[in-house]
Amino acid sequence: MLYHKYKPLASRVYCTGLALLLVLSEVFSSNVQDTLPGFSRIMRLGLTGCAVLLLAGKIILLTGYEARWQKVLIAVVLVYTAFSSWYGGDLWFFLAALVGLGAKDVDWETALRVYLVTAVAGLVLVQALHFATPLMPYKFYCRNWDFGYGHYNGFGARLVGVFFAWAWLRHDRLRAFDWAGLAALAIFTYKVPGSRGAFGGMAVLFVLFFVQKFLPKVFDSRIFYGLAFALPVALAVFSLYAGYVYNPEWPYERMALLLLSIALSGRFEIWHNVFWSAPLSLLGGLPTDGDEHHAIDNTFLAVPMNKGLLGAILVAAVFLLLLWRLAKKHRSTEVICLVALTLYLFMENKPFLLSANPFLLMLPVVFFLLGYFLSAGLTEGWRYAVAIVAAAVSFIPIKLYDGYARKRDTLTYTIVREF
């Protein structure tokens, strides 16, 4: 395996792929797509293609695996996410899988530095082009300036990434300059683009890191880990309850909910009208982003709408398992980051959106596993070849069902993505 021979190269390959995806997100997912559509399309294709090649090469050739089941799991994830991106038009779902899988055996501090430098450079470039040239025109959405990204919360989401990367990278050696810079970035996010969800996530992370600096044992305790584990569950239950009991026609019967809804920009009314009026199902497929009157702005409600009840259960299981493993290893800093992220997602809806039937998306995975395990008598290379062919064969029933469903008008939903 090339991993042992070129191990120092693995981190460079991964960070280069990560940087290309950040340029794609920070620069070429902005309003420049409207002014320079041809150039933007070429750049997006080039950046995406190069990033996929680098990250896939890192995963396949430059990553060490301790057991065979890890390789099979990696292959299953890549098959599933690649097919879902092709079928559902959700490229970022596949790219996120590549970033996550490729992070194995990579120095996280180096990756965070690359993320921070590239993200800041992309943001500065977009803002310079937005205010000094006509290349990044203003798009009206809701009430605030979009800063070249089509939506002020799109700008806020990118600022959150910079804030979290900066705070996490410098966590063990935060100085007065860092604290002042993080505070200034949070205040800027609140006062200028007005992205209150982004500001809330920043403020929580800032306060928790500040308290941890003086009381580290408080955060490395069973009580804190238990509260962190209970937080996403409590927020999910509260989101369901608040949207259900809130009466937009006469909200004064529950003044506490009314005042809290006003503080949260009238979210409870949207939760009531959009979420509880939606026909939830196992498969999902309902739009969760649209104009300001229909954007659900709550990931805990958006996931069951878009991914279905089955998808919501799977997402919750993965997230809680991650929290549990970090707590078990006493990684209090990472748990704090997830706590702040959880509160940010309570106010925003930025999950990867799939406009496809999850059962159909799983079919290539089933065929892949069948091909791999049923060819047990062959060499490892031939087993993977048979599995890939089997996954390709699964496209036939999928396309047949897709045509049948469209003729029957059972595929009626449209997923609107912001970036």
Protein backbone atom coordinates (compact mmCIF):
# COMPACT_ATOMS: atom_id res chain seq x y z
CA MET A 1 0.00 0.00 0.00
CA LEU A 2 1.20 3.50 -0.82
CA TYR A 3 0.14 4.68 2.64
CA HIS A 4 3.30 3.53 4.41
CA LYS A 5 5.62 4.85 1.69
CA TYR A 6 3.97 8.25 1.22
CA LYS A 7 2.44 8.83 4.68
CA PRO A 8 3.77 12.45 4.97
CA LEU A 9 2.05 13.23 1.67
CA ALA A 10 -1.40 12.23 2.98
CA SER A 11 -1.97 15.40 5.00
CA ARG A 12 -0.91 17.64 2.09
CA VAL A 13 -3.23 15.89 -0.34
CA TYR A 14 -6.14 16.14 2.09
CA CYS A 15 -5.55 19.81 2.90
CA THR A 16 -5.25 20.70 -0.79
CA GLY A 17 -8.60 19.04 -1.51
CA LEU A 18 -10.15 20.81 1.48
CA ALA A 19 -8.83 24.16 0.28
CA LEU A 20 -10.29 23.63 -3.20
CA LEU A 21 -13.72 22.90 -1.70
CA LEU A 22 -13.50 26.04 0.41
CA VAL A 23 -12.74 28.13 -2.68
CA LEU A 24 -15.76 26.49 -4.30
CA SER A 25 -17.97 27.34 -1.31
CA GLU A 26 -16.62 30.75 -0.35
CA VAL A 27 -16.07 32.24 -3.83
CA PHE A 28 -17.87 30.34 -6.58
CA SER A 29 -21.05 29.63 -4.61
CA SER A 30 -21.65 33.37 -4.36
CA ASN A 31 -23.58 35.77 -6.58
CA VAL A 32 -20.77 35.67 -9.14
CA GLN A 33 -22.68 32.74 -10.65
CA ASP A 34 -25.20 35.26 -12.00
CA THR A 35 -22.74 37.74 -13.50
CA LEU A 36 -20.19 35.23 -14.86
CA PRO A 37 -22.20 32.02 -15.35
CA GLY A 38 -19.89 30.39 -17.91
CA PHE A 39 -16.68 31.11 -16.02
CA SER A 40 -18.28 30.13 -12.70
CA ARG A 41 -19.48 26.83 -14.12
CA ILE A 42 -16.02 25.97 -15.46
CA MET A 43 -14.39 26.88 -12.15
CA ARG A 44 -16.97 24.93 -10.15
CA LEU A 45 -16.47 21.85 -12.30
CA GLY A 46 -12.69 22.17 -12.12
CA LEU A 47 -12.57 22.76 -8.36
CA THR A 48 -15.04 19.97 -7.66
CA GLY A 49 -13.29 17.48 -9.94
CA CYS A 50 -9.83 18.17 -8.56
CA ALA A 51 -11.07 18.07 -4.96
CA VAL A 52 -12.86 14.76 -5.52
CA LEU A 53 -9.75 13.21 -7.11
CA LEU A 54 -7.49 14.38 -4.29
CA LEU A 55 -9.80 13.35 -1.45
CA ALA A 56 -10.71 10.03 -3.06
CA GLY A 57 -7.02 9.33 -3.66
CA LYS A 58 -6.28 10.14 -0.04
CA ILE A 59 -9.01 7.76 1.17
CA ILE A 60 -8.09 4.87 -1.12
CA LEU A 61 -4.30 5.09 -1.35
CA LEU A 62 -3.02 7.22 1.53
CA THR A 63 -5.06 6.05 4.51
CA GLY A 64 -4.20 3.18 6.82
CA TYR A 65 -7.00 0.79 7.80
CA GLU A 66 -6.70 -1.68 10.66
CA ALA A 67 -9.45 -4.08 9.59
CA ARG A 68 -11.18 -5.22 6.40
CA TRP A 69 -14.61 -4.10 7.63
CA GLN A 70 -13.32 -0.51 7.61
CA LYS A 71 -12.59 -0.74 3.89
CA VAL A 72 -16.02 -2.21 3.21
CA LEU A 73 -17.68 0.53 5.26
CA ILE A 74 -15.73 3.24 3.41
CA ALA A 75 -16.78 1.75 0.06
CA VAL A 76 -20.43 1.58 1.14
CA VAL A 77 -20.45 5.21 2.26
CA LEU A 78 -18.84 6.40 -0.96
CA VAL A 79 -21.23 4.38 -3.13
CA TYR A 80 -24.25 5.65 -1.22
CA THR A 81 -23.27 9.32 -1.15
CA ALA A 82 -22.03 9.36 -4.76
CA PHE A 83 -25.26 7.85 -6.04
CA SER A 84 -27.42 10.11 -3.89
CA SER A 85 -25.55 13.13 -5.25
CA TRP A 86 -26.16 12.00 -8.83
CA TYR A 87 -29.80 11.07 -8.28
CA GLY A 88 -30.81 13.80 -5.83
CA GLY A 89 -28.65 16.62 -7.15
CA ASP A 90 -27.00 17.08 -3.74
CA LEU A 91 -23.30 17.28 -4.54
CA TRP A 92 -22.31 18.64 -1.13
CA PHE A 93 -23.56 15.47 0.55
CA PHE A 94 -20.94 13.46 -1.33
CA LEU A 95 -18.25 16.08 -0.79
CA ALA A 96 -18.93 16.14 2.95
CA ALA A 97 -18.51 12.35 3.04
CA LEU A 98 -15.15 12.68 1.28
CA VAL A 99 -14.00 15.32 3.76
CA GLY A 100 -15.08 13.24 6.73
CA LEU A 101 -13.63 9.94 5.51
CA GLY A 102 -10.39 11.54 4.34
CA ALA A 103 -9.73 13.12 7.73
CA LYS A 104 -8.40 9.81 9.10
CA ASP A 105 -4.65 9.96 9.85
CA VAL A 106 -4.57 13.72 9.16
CA ASP A 107 -3.21 16.24 11.66
CA TRP A 108 -6.34 18.19 12.60
CA GLU A 109 -4.40 21.36 13.49
CA THR A 110 -2.92 21.53 10.00
CA ALA A 111 -6.34 21.00 8.44
CA LEU A 112 -7.87 23.71 10.64
CA ARG A 113 -5.14 26.17 9.65
CA VAL A 114 -5.79 25.50 5.98
CA TYR A 115 -9.54 25.90 6.56
CA LEU A 116 -9.10 29.15 8.46
CA VAL A 117 -6.69 30.78 5.98
CA THR A 118 -8.68 29.74 2.90
CA ALA A 119 -12.06 30.69 4.38
CA VAL A 120 -10.87 34.13 5.48
CA ALA A 121 -9.21 34.79 2.11
CA GLY A 122 -12.39 33.74 0.27
CA LEU A 123 -14.60 35.94 2.43
CA VAL A 124 -12.33 38.97 2.02
CA LEU A 125 -12.18 38.48 -1.76
CA VAL A 126 -15.97 38.18 -2.09
CA GLN A 127 -16.56 41.27 0.05
CA ALA A 128 -14.02 43.28 -1.95
CA LEU A 129 -15.66 42.26 -5.24
CA HIS A 130 -19.13 42.81 -3.77
CA PHE A 131 -18.57 46.40 -2.67
CA ALA A 132 -16.03 47.54 -5.28
CA THR A 133 -17.19 45.85 -8.49
CA PRO A 134 -20.44 44.75 -10.18
CA LEU A 135 -19.33 41.10 -10.15
CA MET A 136 -21.11 40.31 -6.88
CA PRO A 137 -24.50 42.05 -7.14
CA TYR A 138 -26.90 42.43 -4.26
CA LYS A 139 -29.83 40.03 -4.16
CA PHE A 140 -32.85 41.00 -2.14
CA TYR A 141 -34.00 38.37 0.32
CA CYS A 142 -36.08 39.09 3.39
CA ARG A 143 -34.81 42.11 5.30
CA ASN A 144 -30.99 42.26 5.34
CA TRP A 145 -28.11 42.77 2.94
CA ASP A 146 -26.80 39.51 1.46
CA PHE A 147 -23.07 40.45 1.23
CA GLY A 148 -22.66 38.67 -2.08
CA TYR A 149 -24.06 35.30 -0.98
CA GLY A 150 -27.74 35.61 -1.85
CA HIS A 151 -28.84 35.51 1.80
CA TYR A 152 -27.52 37.19 4.92
CA ASN A 153 -27.62 33.87 6.80
CA GLY A 154 -25.43 32.39 4.07
CA PHE A 155 -22.86 35.03 4.98
CA GLY A 156 -23.43 34.28 8.67
CA ALA A 157 -22.89 30.55 8.13
CA ARG A 158 -19.48 31.24 6.61
CA LEU A 159 -18.57 33.54 9.49
CA VAL A 160 -19.55 30.77 11.92
CA GLY A 161 -17.09 28.46 10.18
CA VAL A 162 -14.28 30.99 10.61
CA PHE A 163 -15.20 31.59 14.27
CA PHE A 164 -15.32 27.89 15.18
CA ALA A 165 -12.09 27.08 13.33
CA TRP A 166 -10.27 30.00 14.98
CA ALA A 167 -11.51 29.18 18.49
CA TRP A 168 -10.90 25.44 18.19
CA LEU A 169 -7.44 25.86 16.65
CA ARG A 170 -6.28 28.32 19.30
CA HIS A 171 -8.17 26.74 22.18
CA ASP A 172 -5.15 25.72 24.29
CA ARG A 173 -3.31 28.98 23.75
CA LEU A 174 -5.99 31.65 23.48
CA ARG A 175 -4.53 35.07 24.27
CA ALA A 176 -6.01 38.54 24.68
CA PHE A 177 -5.74 39.11 20.94
CA ASP A 178 -7.74 35.95 20.24
CA TRP A 179 -10.46 36.80 22.74
CA ALA A 180 -10.77 40.33 21.36
CA GLY A 181 -10.84 39.09 17.77
CA LEU A 182 -13.46 36.43 18.46
CA ALA A 183 -15.63 38.93 20.34
CA ALA A 184 -15.31 41.44 17.50
CA LEU A 185 -16.28 38.81 14.92
CA ALA A 186 -19.33 37.80 16.94
CA ILE A 187 -20.46 41.42 17.39
CA PHE A 188 -19.89 42.09 13.69
CA THR A 189 -22.04 39.07 12.80
CA TYR A 190 -24.87 40.33 15.02
CA LYS A 191 -24.75 44.02 14.10
CA VAL A 192 -23.86 43.98 10.38
CA PRO A 193 -25.43 41.01 8.55
CA GLY A 194 -27.82 40.51 11.47
CA SER A 195 -27.47 36.73 11.48
CA ARG A 196 -28.69 36.07 15.00
CA GLY A 197 -28.46 32.29 14.75
CA ALA A 198 -24.80 32.55 13.81
CA PHE A 199 -24.20 35.06 16.60
CA GLY A 200 -25.89 32.76 19.11
CA GLY A 201 -23.60 29.85 18.22
CA MET A 202 -20.56 32.11 18.45
CA ALA A 203 -21.62 33.56 21.81
CA VAL A 204 -22.20 30.14 23.36
CA LEU A 205 -18.82 28.84 22.20
CA PHE A 206 -17.09 32.02 23.41
CA VAL A 207 -18.64 31.85 26.89
CA LEU A 208 -18.06 28.12 27.35
CA PHE A 209 -14.42 28.35 26.27
CA PHE A 210 -13.94 31.35 28.58
CA VAL A 211 -15.38 29.51 31.58
CA GLN A 212 -13.42 26.37 30.69
CA LYS A 213 -10.20 28.35 30.86
CA PHE A 214 -10.75 28.96 34.58
CA LEU A 215 -12.82 25.90 35.53
CA PRO A 216 -11.61 23.05 33.29
CA LYS A 217 -12.78 20.29 35.67
CA VAL A 218 -16.39 21.43 35.36
CA PHE A 219 -16.40 20.45 31.68
CA ASP A 220 -14.60 17.14 32.17
CA SER A 221 -17.30 15.67 34.36
CA ARG A 222 -20.20 13.29 34.00
CA ILE A 223 -22.66 16.08 34.74
CA PHE A 224 -21.48 18.20 31.81
CA TYR A 225 -21.31 15.26 29.43
CA GLY A 226 -24.80 14.21 30.50
CA LEU A 227 -26.17 17.71 29.90
CA ALA A 228 -24.44 17.87 26.52
CA PHE A 229 -25.97 14.53 25.59
CA ALA A 230 -29.44 15.65 26.73
CA LEU A 231 -29.32 19.05 24.98
CA PRO A 232 -30.13 17.94 21.40
CA VAL A 233 -32.90 15.68 22.70
CA ALA A 234 -34.40 18.52 24.76
CA LEU A 235 -34.20 20.99 21.85
CA ALA A 236 -35.88 18.49 19.51
CA VAL A 237 -38.73 17.91 21.98
CA PHE A 238 -39.14 21.64 22.62
CA SER A 239 -39.20 22.40 18.90
CA LEU A 240 -41.97 19.87 18.37
CA TYR A 241 -43.92 21.10 21.41
CA ALA A 242 -43.60 24.83 20.68
CA GLY A 243 -44.69 24.45 17.09
CA TYR A 244 -47.60 22.21 18.04
CA VAL A 245 -49.16 24.26 20.86
CA TYR A 246 -48.50 27.72 19.43
CA ASN A 247 -51.74 29.27 18.17
CA PRO A 248 -50.96 31.97 15.59
CA GLU A 249 -54.60 33.11 15.52
CA TRP A 250 -54.65 33.86 19.25
CA PRO A 251 -51.11 33.52 20.67
CA TYR A 252 -51.85 35.48 23.83
CA GLU A 253 -53.07 32.40 25.71
CA ARG A 254 -49.42 31.40 26.14
CA MET A 255 -47.59 34.66 26.69
CA ALA A 256 -44.26 33.02 27.48
CA LEU A 257 -44.25 31.24 24.12
CA LEU A 258 -45.40 34.42 22.36
CA LEU A 259 -42.58 36.50 23.84
CA LEU A 260 -40.02 33.80 23.07
CA SER A 261 -41.34 33.49 19.52
CA ILE A 262 -41.03 37.26 19.05
CA ALA A 263 -37.44 37.07 20.32
CA LEU A 264 -36.79 34.31 17.78
CA SER A 265 -38.23 36.29 14.85
CA GLY A 266 -41.64 34.61 14.91
CA ARG A 267 -40.25 31.14 14.41
CA PHE A 268 -42.99 29.37 16.38
CA GLU A 269 -45.64 30.56 13.94
CA ILE A 270 -43.61 29.20 11.02
CA TRP A 271 -43.00 25.94 12.86
CA HIS A 272 -46.75 25.62 13.46
CA ASN A 273 -47.84 26.52 9.93
CA VAL A 274 -45.07 24.76 7.99
CA PHE A 275 -44.03 21.75 10.07
CA TRP A 276 -47.31 20.67 11.63
CA SER A 277 -49.26 21.19 8.43
CA ALA A 278 -46.81 19.01 6.49
CA PRO A 279 -47.64 15.34 5.87
CA LEU A 280 -44.61 13.72 7.49
CA SER A 281 -43.60 10.29 6.25
CA LEU A 282 -40.87 7.72 6.63
CA LEU A 283 -39.15 8.99 3.48
CA GLY A 284 -39.52 12.76 3.74
CA GLY A 285 -38.85 14.90 0.67
CA LEU A 286 -40.60 18.08 1.84
CA PRO A 287 -38.93 21.45 1.10
CA THR A 288 -37.47 23.20 4.13
CA ASP A 289 -36.06 26.37 2.54
CA GLY A 290 -37.95 28.94 0.54
CA ASP A 291 -39.03 32.52 1.07
CA GLU A 292 -38.96 34.12 4.50
CA HIS A 293 -42.45 32.85 5.29
CA HIS A 294 -41.70 29.17 4.69
CA ALA A 295 -38.05 28.63 5.71
CA ILE A 296 -38.30 26.36 8.74
CA ASP A 297 -35.03 27.70 10.30
CA ASN A 298 -34.70 24.76 12.67
CA THR A 299 -32.63 21.71 11.82
CA PHE A 300 -34.48 19.56 14.34
CA LEU A 301 -37.69 20.09 12.36
CA ALA A 302 -36.10 20.31 8.92
CA VAL A 303 -34.49 16.88 9.09
CA PRO A 304 -37.74 14.89 9.60
CA MET A 305 -39.44 17.00 6.94
CA ASN A 306 -36.71 16.56 4.37
CA LYS A 307 -35.13 13.22 5.32
CA GLY A 308 -38.29 11.66 6.75
CA LEU A 309 -38.81 10.01 10.12
CA LEU A 310 -36.37 7.26 9.19
CA GLY A 311 -33.68 9.75 8.23
CA ALA A 312 -34.26 11.77 11.40
CA ILE A 313 -33.74 8.66 13.54
CA LEU A 314 -30.52 7.81 11.70
CA VAL A 315 -29.15 11.37 11.93
CA ALA A 316 -29.98 11.54 15.64
CA ALA A 317 -28.32 8.17 16.28
CA VAL A 318 -25.09 9.20 14.52
CA PHE A 319 -24.93 12.57 16.31
CA LEU A 320 -25.59 11.09 19.76
CA LEU A 321 -23.08 8.31 19.12
CA LEU A 322 -20.45 10.91 18.24
CA LEU A 323 -21.19 12.82 21.47
CA TRP A 324 -20.99 9.62 23.49
CA ARG A 325 -17.62 8.59 22.01
CA LEU A 326 -16.12 12.04 22.60
CA ALA A 327 -17.39 12.06 26.19
CA LYS A 328 -16.02 8.56 26.77
CA LYS A 329 -12.58 9.77 25.64
CA HIS A 330 -12.88 12.93 27.79
CA ARG A 331 -12.64 15.23 24.76
CA SER A 332 -14.35 18.12 26.53
CA THR A 333 -13.21 20.75 23.99
CA GLU A 334 -14.82 18.92 21.08
CA VAL A 335 -17.98 18.33 23.13
CA ILE A 336 -18.20 22.07 23.81
CA CYS A 337 -17.94 22.73 20.07
CA LEU A 338 -20.80 20.30 19.41
CA VAL A 339 -22.91 21.95 22.14
CA ALA A 340 -22.47 25.35 20.48
CA LEU A 341 -23.16 23.82 17.07
CA THR A 342 -26.35 22.21 18.42
CA LEU A 343 -27.68 25.58 19.58
CA TYR A 344 -26.77 27.12 16.22
CA LEU A 345 -28.72 24.41 14.39
CA PHE A 346 -31.70 25.11 16.66
CA MET A 347 -31.86 28.54 15.01
CA GLU A 348 -30.85 27.61 11.46
CA ASN A 349 -31.50 25.00 8.80
CA LYS A 350 -28.41 24.16 6.81
CA PRO A 351 -28.43 20.36 6.45
CA PHE A 352 -27.59 18.74 3.16
CA LEU A 353 -30.84 18.32 1.26
CA LEU A 354 -31.77 15.20 -0.66
CA SER A 355 -34.56 15.32 -3.23
CA ALA A 356 -34.77 11.56 -3.61
CA ASN A 357 -36.29 8.42 -2.13
CA PRO A 358 -33.94 7.14 0.64
CA PHE A 359 -34.88 3.52 -0.09
CA LEU A 360 -33.80 3.95 -3.71
CA LEU A 361 -30.58 5.59 -2.56
CA MET A 362 -29.80 2.55 -0.43
CA LEU A 363 -30.32 0.11 -3.30
CA PRO A 364 -26.78 0.50 -4.78
CA VAL A 365 -25.40 -0.11 -1.28
CA VAL A 366 -27.41 -3.35 -0.98
CA PHE A 367 -26.26 -4.52 -4.42
CA PHE A 368 -22.66 -3.56 -3.60
CA LEU A 369 -22.68 -5.60 -0.38
CA LEU A 370 -24.36 -8.55 -2.10
CA GLY A 371 -21.75 -8.53 -4.84
CA TYR A 372 -18.91 -8.31 -2.32
CA PHE A 373 -20.06 -11.05 0.05
CA LEU A 374 -21.41 -13.45 -2.60
CA SER A 375 -18.01 -13.45 -4.34
CA ALA A 376 -16.17 -14.62 -1.21
CA GLY A 377 -14.14 -17.22 -3.10
CA LEU A 378 -12.35 -14.65 -5.30
CA THR A 379 -9.37 -12.42 -4.58
CA GLU A 380 -9.94 -9.07 -2.85
CA GLY A 381 -9.55 -7.08 -6.07
CA TRP A 382 -12.07 -9.20 -7.96
CA ARG A 383 -14.52 -9.00 -5.06
CA TYR A 384 -14.50 -5.21 -5.26
CA ALA A 385 -14.87 -5.38 -9.05
CA VAL A 386 -17.93 -7.64 -8.73
CA ALA A 387 -19.38 -5.34 -6.05
CA ILE A 388 -18.97 -2.26 -8.26
CA VAL A 389 -20.62 -4.01 -11.20
CA ALA A 390 -23.49 -5.08 -8.94
CA ALA A 391 -23.94 -1.49 -7.73
CA ALA A 392 -24.04 -0.33 -11.37
CA VAL A 393 -26.69 -2.97 -12.19
CA SER A 394 -28.89 -1.53 -9.43
CA PHE A 395 -29.34 1.61 -11.55
CA ILE A 396 -31.68 -0.36 -13.85
CA PRO A 397 -34.52 -0.92 -11.35
CA ILE A 398 -33.94 2.54 -9.95
CA LYS A 399 -34.43 4.22 -13.32
CA LEU A 400 -37.49 2.05 -14.02
CA TYR A 401 -39.05 3.07 -10.70
CA ASP A 402 -38.14 6.69 -11.26
CA GLY A 403 -39.96 6.74 -14.60
CA TYR A 404 -42.95 4.97 -13.07
CA ALA A 405 -43.13 7.41 -10.14
CA ARG A 406 -42.93 10.46 -12.37
CA LYS A 407 -45.72 9.17 -14.61
CA ARG A 408 -47.85 8.60 -11.51
CA ASP A 409 -46.98 12.11 -10.24
CA THR A 410 -45.71 10.75 -6.94
CA LEU A 411 -42.55 12.87 -7.17
CA THR A 412 -44.12 16.27 -6.59
CA TYR A 413 -41.75 17.98 -4.20
CA THR A 414 -38.92 20.38 -5.00
CA ILE A 415 -35.97 20.99 -2.73
CA VAL A 416 -34.68 24.57 -2.71
CA ARG A 417 -31.03 24.95 -1.75
CA GLU A 418 -29.35 28.17 -0.79
CA PHE A 419 -25.80 27.28 -1.64
